[in-house]
Structure formats: structure tokens, C-alpha cells
């Protein structure tokens, strides 16, 4: 599902214009991004929990060069689905 499809679906369900829904979606993703940037987890009821964490530096094998290489530490986002979604998808 693309963002355009989400905007169309939300605008028809909420009875608001697509411009308002697009702005709402843009602002909500900005809030989520800013919160995760501060290393604070976000729980959206009925959906799940987003959290950010640091992966340590690690050694991996590069088959193209046939060598081991060291990957630097990096920050990633983890998502844990909520209980209701897990049950619905089973």
C-alpha cells in the first residue's frame, strides 16, 4: 500500500480532504521520527512498539572480495507488533 492509497482511504473514512490527511500523516511521521531520534520508544495501541537501538561493530564476510570486513556501529529501528495484530494475522 502506498502513501497515496493510505491518504485516499483515510480521507474517505474520516470525511476530511486529502490535503488535510496528507498534512496529518506528514506531521505524525515527523513526530515519530523525532521521538525515535531521542532514543525514546513509541507504542501505538493496536499497532505495536517502535524502538531504536545501536548495533555494535561487527565482523562480516564480503563474498565479492573474498575478505572479512569490519562494519561500524549503527543505529537501527526495531518494531514489535502488538498482541492484537499478531492474533489477527495468524
C-alpha atoms as a PDB file:
ATOM      1  CA  UNK A   1       0.000   0.000   0.000  1.00  0.00           C
ATOM      2  CA  UNK A   2       1.412   3.354  -0.991  1.00  0.00           C
ATOM      3  CA  UNK A   3       1.071   6.619   0.886  1.00  0.00           C
ATOM      4  CA  UNK A   4      -1.432   7.845  -1.726  1.00  0.00           C
ATOM      5  CA  UNK A   5      -3.652   4.830  -1.054  1.00  0.00           C
ATOM      6  CA  UNK A   6      -3.425   5.436   2.695  1.00  0.00           C
ATOM      7  CA  UNK A   7      -4.367   9.092   2.203  1.00  0.00           C
ATOM      8  CA  UNK A   8      -7.358   8.171  -0.007  1.00  0.00           C
ATOM      9  CA  UNK A   9      -8.539   5.545   2.469  1.00  0.00           C
ATOM     10  CA  UNK A  10      -8.212   7.838   5.492  1.00  0.00           C
ATOM     11  CA  UNK A  11      -9.891  10.771   3.764  1.00  0.00           C
ATOM     12  CA  UNK A  12     -12.891   8.640   2.824  1.00  0.00           C
ATOM     13  CA  UNK A  13     -13.158   7.163   6.346  1.00  0.00           C
ATOM     14  CA  UNK A  14     -12.705  10.446   8.224  1.00  0.00           C
ATOM     15  CA  UNK A  15     -14.564  12.702   5.799  1.00  0.00           C
ATOM     16  CA  UNK A  16     -11.657  15.138   5.552  1.00  0.00           C
ATOM     17  CA  UNK A  17      -9.865  16.485   2.499  1.00  0.00           C
ATOM     18  CA  UNK A  18      -6.812  14.722   1.119  1.00  0.00           C
ATOM     19  CA  UNK A  19      -4.671  17.791   1.792  1.00  0.00           C
ATOM     20  CA  UNK A  20      -5.586  17.705   5.499  1.00  0.00           C
ATOM     21  CA  UNK A  21      -4.902  13.966   5.715  1.00  0.00           C
ATOM     22  CA  UNK A  22      -1.574  14.343   3.887  1.00  0.00           C
ATOM     23  CA  UNK A  23      -0.510  17.049   6.358  1.00  0.00           C
ATOM     24  CA  UNK A  24      -1.679  14.902   9.294  1.00  0.00           C
ATOM     25  CA  UNK A  25       0.299  11.905   8.037  1.00  0.00           C
ATOM     26  CA  UNK A  26       3.388  14.048   7.425  1.00  0.00           C
ATOM     27  CA  UNK A  27       3.220  15.590  10.917  1.00  0.00           C
ATOM     28  CA  UNK A  28       2.639  12.247  12.641  1.00  0.00           C
ATOM     29  CA  UNK A  29       5.628  10.614  10.912  1.00  0.00           C
ATOM     30  CA  UNK A  30       7.755  13.638  11.833  1.00  0.00           C
ATOM     31  CA  UNK A  31       6.740  13.257  15.491  1.00  0.00           C
ATOM     32  CA  UNK A  32       7.571   9.541  15.416  1.00  0.00           C
ATOM     33  CA  UNK A  33      10.941  10.223  13.745  1.00  0.00           C
ATOM     34  CA  UNK A  34      11.840  12.975  16.255  1.00  0.00           C
ATOM     35  CA  UNK A  35      10.869  10.777  19.202  1.00  0.00           C
ATOM     36  CA  UNK A  36      12.933   7.834  17.944  1.00  0.00           C
ATOM     37  CA  UNK A  37      15.826  10.229  17.348  1.00  0.00           C
ATOM     38  CA  UNK A  38      15.808  10.965  21.100  1.00  0.00           C
ATOM     39  CA  UNK A  39      16.088   7.200  21.852  1.00  0.00           C
ATOM     40  CA  UNK A  40      12.565   7.059  23.247  1.00  0.00           C
ATOM     41  CA  UNK A  41      10.310   4.171  22.251  1.00  0.00           C
ATOM     42  CA  UNK A  42       6.819   4.716  20.873  1.00  0.00           C
ATOM     43  CA  UNK A  43       3.840   2.461  21.495  1.00  0.00           C
ATOM     44  CA  UNK A  44       0.851   2.853  19.204  1.00  0.00           C
ATOM     45  CA  UNK A  45      -2.114   0.989  20.695  1.00  0.00           C
ATOM     46  CA  UNK A  46      -3.470  -1.641  18.332  1.00  0.00           C
ATOM     47  CA  UNK A  47      -0.358  -1.491  16.137  1.00  0.00           C
ATOM     48  CA  UNK A  48       2.843  -2.105  18.097  1.00  0.00           C
ATOM     49  CA  UNK A  49       6.019  -0.620  19.537  1.00  0.00           C
ATOM     50  CA  UNK A  50       8.837   1.161  17.738  1.00  0.00           C
ATOM     51  CA  UNK A  51      12.236   1.481  19.416  1.00  0.00           C
ATOM     52  CA  UNK A  52      15.711   2.500  18.327  1.00  0.00           C
ATOM     53  CA  UNK A  53      18.952   0.839  19.354  1.00  0.00           C
ATOM     54  CA  UNK A  54      22.634   0.737  18.433  1.00  0.00           C
ATOM     55  CA  UNK A  55      24.136  -2.276  16.713  1.00  0.00           C
ATOM     56  CA  UNK A  56      27.692  -2.908  17.828  1.00  0.00           C
ATOM     57  CA  UNK A  57      30.528  -3.024  15.352  1.00  0.00           C
ATOM     58  CA  UNK A  58      30.768  -6.471  13.877  1.00  0.00           C
ATOM     59  CA  UNK A  59      32.815  -8.568  11.547  1.00  0.00           C
ATOM     60  CA  UNK A  60      31.210  -9.889   8.362  1.00  0.00           C
ATOM     61  CA  UNK A  61      32.337 -11.682   5.242  1.00  0.00           C
ATOM     62  CA  UNK A  62      32.266  -9.988   1.845  1.00  0.00           C
ATOM     63  CA  UNK A  63      31.971 -12.728  -0.802  1.00  0.00           C
ATOM     64  CA  UNK A  64      32.715 -10.339  -3.686  1.00  0.00           C
ATOM     65  CA  UNK A  65      36.218  -9.540  -2.393  1.00  0.00           C
ATOM     66  CA  UNK A  66      36.555 -12.840  -0.516  1.00  0.00           C
ATOM     67  CA  UNK A  67      37.580 -10.962   2.646  1.00  0.00           C
ATOM     68  CA  UNK A  68      36.307 -10.253   6.099  1.00  0.00           C
ATOM     69  CA  UNK A  69      35.423  -6.669   6.838  1.00  0.00           C
ATOM     70  CA  UNK A  70      34.533  -4.705   9.956  1.00  0.00           C
ATOM     71  CA  UNK A  71      31.172  -2.923   9.894  1.00  0.00           C
ATOM     72  CA  UNK A  72      30.926   0.206  12.041  1.00  0.00           C
ATOM     73  CA  UNK A  73      28.286   0.587  14.746  1.00  0.00           C
ATOM     74  CA  UNK A  74      24.984   1.924  13.516  1.00  0.00           C
ATOM     75  CA  UNK A  75      21.619   2.946  14.820  1.00  0.00           C
ATOM     76  CA  UNK A  76      18.563   0.972  13.708  1.00  0.00           C
ATOM     77  CA  UNK A  77      14.835   0.850  14.392  1.00  0.00           C
ATOM     78  CA  UNK A  78      13.058  -2.199  15.742  1.00  0.00           C
ATOM     79  CA  UNK A  79       9.293  -2.872  15.515  1.00  0.00           C
ATOM     80  CA  UNK A  80       7.407  -5.293  17.727  1.00  0.00           C
ATOM     81  CA  UNK A  81       3.811  -5.867  16.590  1.00  0.00           C
ATOM     82  CA  UNK A  82       1.052  -5.620  19.156  1.00  0.00           C
ATOM     83  CA  UNK A  83      -0.785  -8.612  20.555  1.00  0.00           C
ATOM     84  CA  UNK A  84      -3.990  -7.908  18.600  1.00  0.00           C
ATOM     85  CA  UNK A  85      -2.177  -7.734  15.248  1.00  0.00           C
ATOM     86  CA  UNK A  86      -0.314 -10.958  15.965  1.00  0.00           C
ATOM     87  CA  UNK A  87      -3.596 -12.725  16.660  1.00  0.00           C
ATOM     88  CA  UNK A  88      -5.334 -11.292  13.561  1.00  0.00           C
ATOM     89  CA  UNK A  89      -2.522 -12.385  11.251  1.00  0.00           C
ATOM     90  CA  UNK A  90      -2.496 -15.991  12.491  1.00  0.00           C
END
